[in-house]
Structure formats: C-alpha cells, structure tokens
Amino acid sequence: MGVNTISHICRRIALYGKGGIGKSTIASNLAAALASSGLKVLLIGCDPKADSTRNLTRETIPSVLETLEGSEKIGIQDLLHTGDFGVSCVESGGPEAGIGCAGLGISTTLEELTRLGVYDQDWDIILYDVLGDVVCGGFSVPMRKKHVDTVYIVTSADFMSLYAANNILKSVKRYSNREKPLLGGILHNRLGSAKERAVVQEFCRKTNSPYIAAMGQSPEIRLAELQRQTVLKAFPGGTAAQVFLELGRQMAESGQASVPTPLCPQDMDAVGAGILKLLQDEEVKE
C-alpha cells in the first residue's frame, strides 16, 4: 500500500440519498480519489441496481446475492472485485423487480462480509453507497448494526431530493446519540445557481446539518460516466478530479459529526414554498 497521508484509523462512511441524485457517481469517484492517495479502500454498493462500482470496474460485477445463489460455498475472492486504483468493490444486489425485499441484499451482504472476515482486514476507508428514498428498515442496516461511523447525505435543491434527505435525517437521528453522533453533513450535488445553494444551506441550518460541499454539473463527470470511468481515471488533471481529491481528504480527516433535527411536515411544506418562490422569481426574470 502507498504512503498513507491521512490516517491509518479506518473511517467507515455511508453515503445516502434519493435515487438518481448522483450518489453512486460521487461514491465511486470518492473511492478512486481516496485510493489514489494511497489508502486501502473498500466500496460496498447497497443498491438493488448494483451499479455503485461500475465506474471502477468497467462492468457490472456479480452481486453478493447472485454469488450466494450460484454456489454453496464462497470465499472472500468471490465477493471482492478489484477496480481502478486498487479499490476493492462489493455489490449487495437485490431481488428481481417486484419480488422480495430490497433491504435483504444489504443485510445478507453485511452478514457475509462479517462471516468471511472482510471487516478484519486493514482498511483505511470503508465506503457504503446506500439507496435512501425507500422507507425500508433494510436500508438502515449499516447504521442500525453499527457498521458506519459517519453518514453523508447527497441532495440537490429539488424538493423531492430534500424530502428524501429529511427522511434519511430521521433515521440518522434515531441511530445517533450524544456519545456517538452520526451525521457528517450534506453534500450538495447539481448546484446550478446561488439561489439553489441558499435553499440547501437554509435546509441545513434548519436541520442542524453541516453543509460540506457543493458540486456543479461537470462535463468531465458526464464524459467519464459514458466511458464507465471515474474522473480520476479519465481526467486526472481536471477540475472535477481535484474536487473529489479535496472532498475525499476532508471526509477522511474529519472526526466531526452531529445529531440532526429533521423537519416536521409543516416545515417541509415551508421548504417547498421557498423553492416555488425561487422558480417563480426565475421565470419572471426570463
């Protein structure tokens, strides 16, 4: 392993967010950034789509559920797949659409990784990419079973994205306490304007959630995605790669966490009213 310039203490980080918000893109690029800095990284995709690691492996790797169905006896080598920069990749997978419980894949995966001793290896970073817009206890397993130390929520200024973020904050609060707060903060993706930043920052203020970083829509990220690559691989000297390198360093070094204060339905309605006013003001200007 290369020189560890951050810390050898294992950081266990989970990214949650509404489906389609760019959470998996951020997770794979963060994993690449951290690994390129010399850290030993394990990325665990906790989404039935099993696409969290594709930009690191250039393909959809067999999920844990698929592997278990196809073999009575499995080893670590059957579940861990090596991606770019040496990132170890795992996909939990899920049942066929319309059948079974999506959260079951996460529970089964964590049980298998524990049984096989994967967590006993000398990881610097364990990163979970978790679907967050489904109200299902299975998706809270990484928090509930104490597999994570810090949770970051990916959102945009869209109401449904913030609505999902607020629901996730409820789970974070449930599994946090003063001795062990879980919330690392909010990652603002798809930043389009200063007013959108203000909307998300106000949401953060009201929910006691640190506003960690903002990421705009980058052509580099889109092109890298089409090539099934991270920006660290496709455009290593680009602006987007530098953003992920800095964000990765910030998240790996930070030991700060808080207990959030999720909004009640009435306060979420007020957030929606604020977004509506923002959109109406923009229409008037046009």
C-alpha atoms as a PDB file:
ATOM      1  CA  MET A   1       0.000   0.000   0.000  1.00  0.00           C
ATOM      2  CA  GLY A   2       1.219   3.508  -0.717  1.00  0.00           C
ATOM      3  CA  VAL A   3       2.081   6.059   1.917  1.00  0.00           C
ATOM      4  CA  ASN A   4      -0.978   6.884   3.981  1.00  0.00           C
ATOM      5  CA  THR A   5      -1.015  10.665   4.164  1.00  0.00           C
ATOM      6  CA  ILE A   6      -4.262  10.890   6.126  1.00  0.00           C
ATOM      7  CA  SER A   7      -4.585   8.341   8.913  1.00  0.00           C
ATOM      8  CA  HIS A   8      -4.460   4.611   9.382  1.00  0.00           C
ATOM      9  CA  ILE A   9      -7.614   4.682  11.512  1.00  0.00           C
ATOM     10  CA  CYS A  10     -10.382   3.019   9.498  1.00  0.00           C
ATOM     11  CA  ARG A  11     -13.076   5.514   8.571  1.00  0.00           C
ATOM     12  CA  ARG A  12     -16.469   3.901   7.952  1.00  0.00           C
ATOM     13  CA  ILE A  13     -18.543   6.260   5.844  1.00  0.00           C
ATOM     14  CA  ALA A  14     -22.016   5.899   4.324  1.00  0.00           C
ATOM     15  CA  LEU A  15     -23.472   7.984   1.511  1.00  0.00           C
ATOM     16  CA  TYR A  16     -27.264   8.121   1.438  1.00  0.00           C
ATOM     17  CA  GLY A  17     -29.539   9.939  -0.986  1.00  0.00           C
ATOM     18  CA  LYS A  18     -32.547   9.831  -3.257  1.00  0.00           C
ATOM     19  CA  GLY A  19     -32.264   7.515  -6.247  1.00  0.00           C
ATOM     20  CA  GLY A  20     -30.848   9.309  -9.284  1.00  0.00           C
ATOM     21  CA  ILE A  21     -29.288  12.146  -7.303  1.00  0.00           C
ATOM     22  CA  GLY A  22     -25.748  11.147  -8.295  1.00  0.00           C
ATOM     23  CA  LYS A  23     -24.857   9.352  -5.088  1.00  0.00           C
ATOM     24  CA  SER A  24     -23.198   6.387  -6.806  1.00  0.00           C
ATOM     25  CA  THR A  25     -21.194   8.703  -9.063  1.00  0.00           C
ATOM     26  CA  ILE A  26     -19.928  10.547  -6.010  1.00  0.00           C
ATOM     27  CA  ALA A  27     -19.209   7.284  -4.166  1.00  0.00           C
ATOM     28  CA  SER A  28     -17.142   5.779  -6.986  1.00  0.00           C
ATOM     29  CA  ASN A  29     -15.200   8.995  -7.556  1.00  0.00           C
ATOM     30  CA  LEU A  30     -14.563   9.411  -3.836  1.00  0.00           C
ATOM     31  CA  ALA A  31     -13.322   5.827  -3.619  1.00  0.00           C
ATOM     32  CA  ALA A  32     -10.979   6.481  -6.543  1.00  0.00           C
ATOM     33  CA  ALA A  33      -9.733   9.730  -5.024  1.00  0.00           C
ATOM     34  CA  LEU A  34      -9.041   8.145  -1.645  1.00  0.00           C
ATOM     35  CA  ALA A  35      -7.337   5.101  -3.151  1.00  0.00           C
ATOM     36  CA  SER A  36      -5.213   7.255  -5.455  1.00  0.00           C
ATOM     37  CA  SER A  37      -3.949   8.988  -2.308  1.00  0.00           C
ATOM     38  CA  GLY A  38      -2.534   5.685  -1.099  1.00  0.00           C
ATOM     39  CA  LEU A  39      -5.402   4.479   1.071  1.00  0.00           C
ATOM     40  CA  LYS A  40      -6.822   0.960   1.166  1.00  0.00           C
ATOM     41  CA  VAL A  41     -10.478   1.404   0.208  1.00  0.00           C
ATOM     42  CA  LEU A  42     -13.483  -0.929   0.285  1.00  0.00           C
ATOM     43  CA  LEU A  43     -16.575   0.297  -1.605  1.00  0.00           C
ATOM     44  CA  ILE A  44     -19.817  -1.536  -0.818  1.00  0.00           C
ATOM     45  CA  GLY A  45     -22.771  -0.841  -3.100  1.00  0.00           C
ATOM     46  CA  CYS A  46     -26.035  -1.179  -1.178  1.00  0.00           C
ATOM     47  CA  ASP A  47     -28.499  -0.651  -4.001  1.00  0.00           C
ATOM     48  CA  PRO A  48     -30.555  -3.306  -5.833  1.00  0.00           C
ATOM     49  CA  LYS A  49     -29.375  -1.804  -9.143  1.00  0.00           C
ATOM     50  CA  ALA A  50     -25.830  -2.974  -8.286  1.00  0.00           C
ATOM     51  CA  ASP A  51     -24.239  -0.095 -10.195  1.00  0.00           C
ATOM     52  CA  SER A  52     -22.214   1.604  -7.465  1.00  0.00           C
ATOM     53  CA  THR A  53     -18.878   0.172  -8.591  1.00  0.00           C
ATOM     54  CA  ARG A  54     -19.305   0.119 -12.375  1.00  0.00           C
ATOM     55  CA  ASN A  55     -17.148   3.201 -12.961  1.00  0.00           C
ATOM     56  CA  LEU A  56     -14.286   1.469 -11.163  1.00  0.00           C
ATOM     57  CA  THR A  57     -14.567  -1.979 -12.765  1.00  0.00           C
ATOM     58  CA  ARG A  58     -15.936  -1.005 -16.199  1.00  0.00           C
ATOM     59  CA  GLU A  59     -18.635  -3.671 -15.809  1.00  0.00           C
ATOM     60  CA  THR A  60     -21.436  -4.791 -13.534  1.00  0.00           C
ATOM     61  CA  ILE A  61     -19.825  -7.212 -11.106  1.00  0.00           C
ATOM     62  CA  PRO A  62     -21.720 -10.236  -9.707  1.00  0.00           C
ATOM     63  CA  SER A  63     -23.648  -9.212  -6.617  1.00  0.00           C
ATOM     64  CA  VAL A  64     -23.428 -10.984  -3.279  1.00  0.00           C
ATOM     65  CA  LEU A  65     -26.965 -12.330  -3.675  1.00  0.00           C
ATOM     66  CA  GLU A  66     -26.196 -13.673  -7.159  1.00  0.00           C
ATOM     67  CA  THR A  67     -22.997 -15.296  -5.915  1.00  0.00           C
ATOM     68  CA  LEU A  68     -24.759 -16.943  -2.987  1.00  0.00           C
ATOM     69  CA  GLU A  69     -27.466 -18.300  -5.277  1.00  0.00           C
ATOM     70  CA  GLY A  70     -24.882 -19.833  -7.599  1.00  0.00           C
ATOM     71  CA  SER A  71     -22.621 -21.503  -5.045  1.00  0.00           C
ATOM     72  CA  GLU A  72     -22.988 -23.292  -1.730  1.00  0.00           C
ATOM     73  CA  LYS A  73     -19.503 -22.334  -0.572  1.00  0.00           C
ATOM     74  CA  ILE A  74     -17.935 -18.956  -1.248  1.00  0.00           C
ATOM     75  CA  GLY A  75     -14.776 -17.177  -0.193  1.00  0.00           C
ATOM     76  CA  ILE A  76     -13.616 -13.589   0.022  1.00  0.00           C
ATOM     77  CA  GLN A  77     -12.319 -13.754  -3.554  1.00  0.00           C
ATOM     78  CA  ASP A  78     -15.855 -14.458  -4.776  1.00  0.00           C
ATOM     79  CA  LEU A  79     -17.254 -11.239  -3.295  1.00  0.00           C
ATOM     80  CA  LEU A  80     -14.420  -8.704  -3.610  1.00  0.00           C
ATOM     81  CA  HIS A  81     -13.577  -7.418  -7.086  1.00  0.00           C
ATOM     82  CA  THR A  82     -10.628  -5.109  -7.711  1.00  0.00           C
ATOM     83  CA  GLY A  83     -11.304  -1.846  -9.525  1.00  0.00           C
ATOM     84  CA  ASP A  84      -9.197   1.113 -10.608  1.00  0.00           C
ATOM     85  CA  PHE A  85      -6.568   2.347  -8.150  1.00  0.00           C
ATOM     86  CA  GLY A  86      -6.895  -0.948  -6.280  1.00  0.00           C
ATOM     87  CA  VAL A  87     -10.336  -0.188  -4.820  1.00  0.00           C
ATOM     88  CA  SER A  88     -11.996  -3.374  -3.531  1.00  0.00           C
ATOM     89  CA  CYS A  89     -15.591  -3.459  -4.801  1.00  0.00           C
ATOM     90  CA  VAL A  90     -18.667  -5.277  -3.492  1.00  0.00           C
ATOM     91  CA  GLU A  91     -22.272  -5.088  -4.723  1.00  0.00           C
ATOM     92  CA  SER A  92     -25.046  -6.329  -2.456  1.00  0.00           C
ATOM     93  CA  GLY A  93     -27.632  -6.619  -5.223  1.00  0.00           C
ATOM     94  CA  GLY A  94     -31.310  -7.230  -4.633  1.00  0.00           C
ATOM     95  CA  PRO A  95     -34.310  -9.296  -5.671  1.00  0.00           C
ATOM     96  CA  GLU A  96     -35.950  -9.200  -9.070  1.00  0.00           C
ATOM     97  CA  ALA A  97     -38.167  -6.150  -9.515  1.00  0.00           C
ATOM     98  CA  GLY A  98     -41.496  -6.621  -7.768  1.00  0.00           C
ATOM     99  CA  ILE A  99     -40.352  -9.654  -5.801  1.00  0.00           C
ATOM    100  CA  GLY A 100     -38.937  -9.819  -2.291  1.00  0.00           C
ATOM    101  CA  CYS A 101     -37.343  -7.222  -0.013  1.00  0.00           C
ATOM    102  CA  ALA A 102     -34.704  -4.877  -1.433  1.00  0.00           C
ATOM    103  CA  GLY A 103     -33.169  -4.364   2.004  1.00  0.00           C
ATOM    104  CA  LEU A 104     -32.488  -8.092   2.311  1.00  0.00           C
ATOM    105  CA  GLY A 105     -29.491  -7.763  -0.004  1.00  0.00           C
ATOM    106  CA  ILE A 106     -27.847  -5.302   2.371  1.00  0.00           C
ATOM    107  CA  SER A 107     -28.447  -7.433   5.466  1.00  0.00           C
ATOM    108  CA  THR A 108     -27.159 -10.565   3.741  1.00  0.00           C
ATOM    109  CA  THR A 109     -24.097  -8.768   2.396  1.00  0.00           C
ATOM    110  CA  LEU A 110     -23.039  -7.371   5.757  1.00  0.00           C
ATOM    111  CA  GLU A 111     -23.533 -10.771   7.368  1.00  0.00           C
ATOM    112  CA  GLU A 112     -21.389 -12.489   4.715  1.00  0.00           C
ATOM    113  CA  LEU A 113     -18.640  -9.882   4.873  1.00  0.00           C
ATOM    114  CA  THR A 114     -18.559 -10.287   8.647  1.00  0.00           C
ATOM    115  CA  ARG A 115     -18.544 -14.088   8.450  1.00  0.00           C
ATOM    116  CA  LEU A 116     -15.679 -14.118   5.953  1.00  0.00           C
ATOM    117  CA  GLY A 117     -13.603 -11.679   7.990  1.00  0.00           C
ATOM    118  CA  VAL A 118     -13.589  -8.942   5.362  1.00  0.00           C
ATOM    119  CA  TYR A 119     -14.032  -6.260   8.014  1.00  0.00           C
ATOM    120  CA  ASP A 120     -10.991  -7.594   9.860  1.00  0.00           C
ATOM    121  CA  GLN A 121      -8.656  -6.528   7.054  1.00  0.00           C
ATOM    122  CA  ASP A 122      -6.608  -3.350   7.464  1.00  0.00           C
ATOM    123  CA  TRP A 123      -8.876  -0.975   5.548  1.00  0.00           C
ATOM    124  CA  ASP A 124      -8.303   2.753   5.746  1.00  0.00           C
ATOM    125  CA  ILE A 125     -11.734   3.588   4.327  1.00  0.00           C
ATOM    126  CA  ILE A 126     -14.933   1.539   4.122  1.00  0.00           C
ATOM    127  CA  LEU A 127     -17.451   3.400   1.986  1.00  0.00           C
ATOM    128  CA  TYR A 128     -21.117   2.397   1.716  1.00  0.00           C
ATOM    129  CA  ASP A 129     -23.321   3.654  -1.130  1.00  0.00           C
ATOM    130  CA  VAL A 130     -26.904   3.287   0.117  1.00  0.00           C
ATOM    131  CA  LEU A 131     -30.226   3.980  -1.582  1.00  0.00           C
ATOM    132  CA  GLY A 132     -32.112   6.441   0.578  1.00  0.00           C
ATOM    133  CA  ASP A 133     -35.571   7.212  -0.805  1.00  0.00           C
ATOM    134  CA  VAL A 134     -37.228   3.926   0.171  1.00  0.00           C
ATOM    135  CA  VAL A 135     -38.745   3.733   3.649  1.00  0.00           C
ATOM    136  CA  CYS A 136     -37.436   0.267   4.468  1.00  0.00           C
ATOM    137  CA  GLY A 137     -35.608  -0.881   7.593  1.00  0.00           C
ATOM    138  CA  GLY A 138     -33.187  -2.863   5.458  1.00  0.00           C
ATOM    139  CA  PHE A 139     -31.580   0.304   4.136  1.00  0.00           C
ATOM    140  CA  SER A 140     -30.848   1.495   7.676  1.00  0.00           C
ATOM    141  CA  VAL A 141     -28.850  -1.664   8.476  1.00  0.00           C
ATOM    142  CA  PRO A 142     -25.413  -0.026   8.091  1.00  0.00           C
ATOM    143  CA  MET A 143     -26.431   2.479  10.781  1.00  0.00           C
ATOM    144  CA  ARG A 144     -28.541   0.148  12.894  1.00  0.00           C
ATOM    145  CA  LYS A 145     -25.890  -2.588  13.011  1.00  0.00           C
ATOM    146  CA  LYS A 146     -23.172  -0.005  13.740  1.00  0.00           C
ATOM    147  CA  HIS A 147     -21.221  -0.618  10.535  1.00  0.00           C
ATOM    148  CA  VAL A 148     -20.727   3.120   9.925  1.00  0.00           C
ATOM    149  CA  ASP A 149     -19.226   5.982  11.895  1.00  0.00           C
ATOM    150  CA  THR A 150     -20.358   8.856   9.707  1.00  0.00           C
ATOM    151  CA  VAL A 151     -23.272   9.432   7.326  1.00  0.00           C
ATOM    152  CA  TYR A 152     -23.292  11.960   4.497  1.00  0.00           C
ATOM    153  CA  ILE A 153     -26.470  12.747   2.581  1.00  0.00           C
ATOM    154  CA  VAL A 154     -26.394  13.703  -1.098  1.00  0.00           C
ATOM    155  CA  THR A 155     -29.104  16.110  -2.216  1.00  0.00           C
ATOM    156  CA  SER A 156     -29.940  18.831  -4.703  1.00  0.00           C
ATOM    157  CA  ALA A 157     -32.194  21.858  -4.271  1.00  0.00           C
ATOM    158  CA  ASP A 158     -35.171  19.931  -5.711  1.00  0.00           C
ATOM    159  CA  PHE A 159     -37.990  19.433  -3.230  1.00  0.00           C
ATOM    160  CA  MET A 160     -38.228  15.638  -3.530  1.00  0.00           C
ATOM    161  CA  SER A 161     -34.482  15.330  -3.045  1.00  0.00           C
ATOM    162  CA  LEU A 162     -34.677  17.429   0.119  1.00  0.00           C
ATOM    163  CA  TYR A 163     -37.771  15.491   1.194  1.00  0.00           C
ATOM    164  CA  ALA A 164     -35.786  12.246   0.921  1.00  0.00           C
ATOM    165  CA  ALA A 165     -32.864  13.867   2.742  1.00  0.00           C
ATOM    166  CA  ASN A 166     -35.179  14.841   5.589  1.00  0.00           C
ATOM    167  CA  ASN A 167     -36.449  11.261   5.881  1.00  0.00           C
ATOM    168  CA  ILE A 168     -32.871   9.991   5.967  1.00  0.00           C
ATOM    169  CA  LEU A 169     -32.104  12.510   8.711  1.00  0.00           C
ATOM    170  CA  LYS A 170     -34.866  10.895  10.770  1.00  0.00           C
ATOM    171  CA  SER A 171     -33.036   7.566  10.576  1.00  0.00           C
ATOM    172  CA  VAL A 172     -29.703   9.218  11.332  1.00  0.00           C
ATOM    173  CA  LYS A 173     -31.209  10.854  14.409  1.00  0.00           C
ATOM    174  CA  ARG A 174     -32.775   7.570  15.525  1.00  0.00           C
ATOM    175  CA  TYR A 175     -29.416   5.773  15.497  1.00  0.00           C
ATOM    176  CA  SER A 176     -27.362   8.689  16.848  1.00  0.00           C
ATOM    177  CA  ASN A 177     -26.749   9.777  20.402  1.00  0.00           C
ATOM    178  CA  ARG A 178     -24.618  12.429  22.105  1.00  0.00           C
ATOM    179  CA  GLU A 179     -21.765   9.982  22.585  1.00  0.00           C
ATOM    180  CA  LYS A 180     -21.991   8.695  19.020  1.00  0.00           C
ATOM    181  CA  PRO A 181     -23.463  11.267  16.607  1.00  0.00           C
ATOM    182  CA  LEU A 182     -23.594  10.012  13.018  1.00  0.00           C
ATOM    183  CA  LEU A 183     -24.257  12.933  10.692  1.00  0.00           C
ATOM    184  CA  GLY A 184     -21.191  14.134   8.821  1.00  0.00           C
ATOM    185  CA  GLY A 185     -23.189  16.565   6.730  1.00  0.00           C
ATOM    186  CA  ILE A 186     -24.887  17.364   3.444  1.00  0.00           C
ATOM    187  CA  LEU A 187     -23.266  17.085   0.010  1.00  0.00           C
ATOM    188  CA  HIS A 188     -24.991  19.474  -2.391  1.00  0.00           C
ATOM    189  CA  ASN A 189     -24.933  17.938  -5.858  1.00  0.00           C
ATOM    190  CA  ARG A 190     -26.044  19.531  -9.137  1.00  0.00           C
ATOM    191  CA  LEU A 191     -25.549  23.071  -7.914  1.00  0.00           C
ATOM    192  CA  GLY A 192     -26.980  25.366 -10.572  1.00  0.00           C
ATOM    193  CA  SER A 193     -27.196  28.823  -9.014  1.00  0.00           C
ATOM    194  CA  ALA A 194     -26.514  30.866  -5.906  1.00  0.00           C
ATOM    195  CA  LYS A 195     -30.219  30.681  -5.047  1.00  0.00           C
ATOM    196  CA  GLU A 196     -30.123  26.879  -5.145  1.00  0.00           C
ATOM    197  CA  ARG A 197     -27.170  26.995  -2.785  1.00  0.00           C
ATOM    198  CA  ALA A 198     -29.192  29.245  -0.486  1.00  0.00           C
ATOM    199  CA  VAL A 199     -32.116  26.771  -0.491  1.00  0.00           C
ATOM    200  CA  VAL A 200     -29.925  23.838   0.548  1.00  0.00           C
ATOM    201  CA  GLN A 201     -27.975  25.905   3.071  1.00  0.00           C
ATOM    202  CA  GLU A 202     -31.225  27.037   4.680  1.00  0.00           C
ATOM    203  CA  PHE A 203     -32.365  23.403   4.861  1.00  0.00           C
ATOM    204  CA  CYS A 204     -29.043  22.571   6.526  1.00  0.00           C
ATOM    205  CA  ARG A 205     -29.450  25.414   9.014  1.00  0.00           C
ATOM    206  CA  LYS A 206     -32.944  24.308   9.988  1.00  0.00           C
ATOM    207  CA  THR A 207     -31.931  20.652  10.392  1.00  0.00           C
ATOM    208  CA  ASN A 208     -28.590  21.240  12.163  1.00  0.00           C
ATOM    209  CA  SER A 209     -26.785  19.610   9.235  1.00  0.00           C
ATOM    210  CA  PRO A 210     -23.308  20.792   8.165  1.00  0.00           C
ATOM    211  CA  TYR A 211     -23.130  21.972   4.532  1.00  0.00           C
ATOM    212  CA  ILE A 212     -19.990  20.121   3.476  1.00  0.00           C
ATOM    213  CA  ALA A 213     -19.528  20.773  -0.227  1.00  0.00           C
ATOM    214  CA  ALA A 214     -21.265  21.810  -3.436  1.00  0.00           C
ATOM    215  CA  MET A 215     -20.713  20.196  -6.814  1.00  0.00           C
ATOM    216  CA  GLY A 216     -21.972  21.620 -10.091  1.00  0.00           C
ATOM    217  CA  GLN A 217     -22.842  19.633 -13.190  1.00  0.00           C
ATOM    218  CA  SER A 218     -19.499  18.846 -14.800  1.00  0.00           C
ATOM    219  CA  PRO A 219     -18.902  17.852 -18.449  1.00  0.00           C
ATOM    220  CA  GLU A 220     -15.912  15.843 -17.233  1.00  0.00           C
ATOM    221  CA  ILE A 221     -18.110  13.754 -14.953  1.00  0.00           C
ATOM    222  CA  ARG A 222     -20.666  13.135 -17.710  1.00  0.00           C
ATOM    223  CA  LEU A 223     -17.997  12.087 -20.213  1.00  0.00           C
ATOM    224  CA  ALA A 224     -16.282   9.840 -17.679  1.00  0.00           C
ATOM    225  CA  GLU A 225     -19.617   8.183 -16.846  1.00  0.00           C
ATOM    226  CA  LEU A 226     -20.222   7.408 -20.513  1.00  0.00           C
ATOM    227  CA  GLN A 227     -16.825   5.703 -20.580  1.00  0.00           C
ATOM    228  CA  ARG A 228     -17.648   3.855 -17.339  1.00  0.00           C
ATOM    229  CA  GLN A 229     -14.787   5.583 -15.615  1.00  0.00           C
ATOM    230  CA  THR A 230     -14.216   7.947 -12.727  1.00  0.00           C
ATOM    231  CA  VAL A 231     -12.859  11.416 -13.417  1.00  0.00           C
ATOM    232  CA  LEU A 232      -9.707  10.374 -11.541  1.00  0.00           C
ATOM    233  CA  LYS A 233      -9.123   7.847 -14.335  1.00  0.00           C
ATOM    234  CA  ALA A 234     -10.480   9.706 -17.358  1.00  0.00           C
ATOM    235  CA  PHE A 235      -9.426  13.278 -16.499  1.00  0.00           C
ATOM    236  CA  PRO A 236      -6.850  13.017 -13.695  1.00  0.00           C
ATOM    237  CA  GLY A 237      -5.682  16.606 -14.103  1.00  0.00           C
ATOM    238  CA  GLY A 238      -9.149  18.095 -14.446  1.00  0.00           C
ATOM    239  CA  THR A 239     -11.112  20.339 -12.137  1.00  0.00           C
ATOM    240  CA  ALA A 240     -13.596  17.615 -11.142  1.00  0.00           C
ATOM    241  CA  ALA A 241     -10.803  15.249 -10.105  1.00  0.00           C
ATOM    242  CA  GLN A 242      -9.358  17.937  -7.841  1.00  0.00           C
ATOM    243  CA  VAL A 243     -12.781  18.491  -6.263  1.00  0.00           C
ATOM    244  CA  PHE A 244     -13.057  14.806  -5.365  1.00  0.00           C
ATOM    245  CA  LEU A 245      -9.476  14.658  -4.090  1.00  0.00           C
ATOM    246  CA  GLU A 246     -10.170  17.565  -1.746  1.00  0.00           C
ATOM    247  CA  LEU A 247     -13.564  16.212  -0.682  1.00  0.00           C
ATOM    248  CA  GLY A 248     -12.059  12.792  -0.010  1.00  0.00           C
ATOM    249  CA  ARG A 249      -9.329  14.296   2.130  1.00  0.00           C
ATOM    250  CA  GLN A 250     -11.853  16.386   4.030  1.00  0.00           C
ATOM    251  CA  MET A 251     -14.115  13.405   4.736  1.00  0.00           C
ATOM    252  CA  ALA A 252     -11.254  11.079   5.699  1.00  0.00           C
ATOM    253  CA  GLU A 253      -9.693  13.574   8.091  1.00  0.00           C
ATOM    254  CA  SER A 254     -12.881  14.807   9.722  1.00  0.00           C
ATOM    255  CA  GLY A 255     -13.900  13.294  13.008  1.00  0.00           C
ATOM    256  CA  GLN A 256     -16.754  15.745  13.403  1.00  0.00           C
ATOM    257  CA  ALA A 257     -20.365  14.563  13.467  1.00  0.00           C
ATOM    258  CA  SER A 258     -23.659  15.866  14.804  1.00  0.00           C
ATOM    259  CA  VAL A 259     -27.182  14.797  15.683  1.00  0.00           C
ATOM    260  CA  PRO A 260     -29.620  16.336  13.172  1.00  0.00           C
ATOM    261  CA  THR A 261     -33.032  17.856  13.832  1.00  0.00           C
ATOM    262  CA  PRO A 262     -35.280  16.658  10.968  1.00  0.00           C
ATOM    263  CA  LEU A 263     -38.139  18.885   9.902  1.00  0.00           C
ATOM    264  CA  CYS A 264     -41.802  18.222  10.608  1.00  0.00           C
ATOM    265  CA  PRO A 265     -44.252  18.057   7.652  1.00  0.00           C
ATOM    266  CA  GLN A 266     -45.278  21.694   8.119  1.00  0.00           C
ATOM    267  CA  ASP A 267     -41.675  22.887   7.980  1.00  0.00           C
ATOM    268  CA  MET A 268     -41.040  20.773   4.883  1.00  0.00           C
ATOM    269  CA  ASP A 269     -44.040  22.481   3.290  1.00  0.00           C
ATOM    270  CA  ALA A 270     -42.298  25.787   4.016  1.00  0.00           C
ATOM    271  CA  VAL A 271     -39.180  24.486   2.258  1.00  0.00           C
ATOM    272  CA  GLY A 272     -41.339  23.616  -0.752  1.00  0.00           C
ATOM    273  CA  ALA A 273     -42.857  27.100  -0.714  1.00  0.00           C
ATOM    274  CA  GLY A 274     -39.371  28.587  -0.743  1.00  0.00           C
ATOM    275  CA  ILE A 275     -38.378  26.516  -3.764  1.00  0.00           C
ATOM    276  CA  LEU A 276     -41.600  27.523  -5.551  1.00  0.00           C
ATOM    277  CA  LYS A 277     -40.817  31.194  -4.947  1.00  0.00           C
ATOM    278  CA  LEU A 278     -37.316  30.640  -6.307  1.00  0.00           C
ATOM    279  CA  LEU A 279     -38.695  29.103  -9.502  1.00  0.00           C
ATOM    280  CA  GLN A 280     -41.303  31.854  -9.910  1.00  0.00           C
ATOM    281  CA  ASP A 281     -38.662  34.564  -9.476  1.00  0.00           C
ATOM    282  CA  GLU A 282     -36.516  32.919 -12.148  1.00  0.00           C
ATOM    283  CA  GLU A 283     -39.489  32.783 -14.557  1.00  0.00           C
ATOM    284  CA  VAL A 284     -40.159  36.496 -14.027  1.00  0.00           C
ATOM    285  CA  LYS A 285     -36.531  37.321 -14.867  1.00  0.00           C
ATOM    286  CA  GLU A 286     -36.735  35.272 -18.057  1.00  0.00           C
END
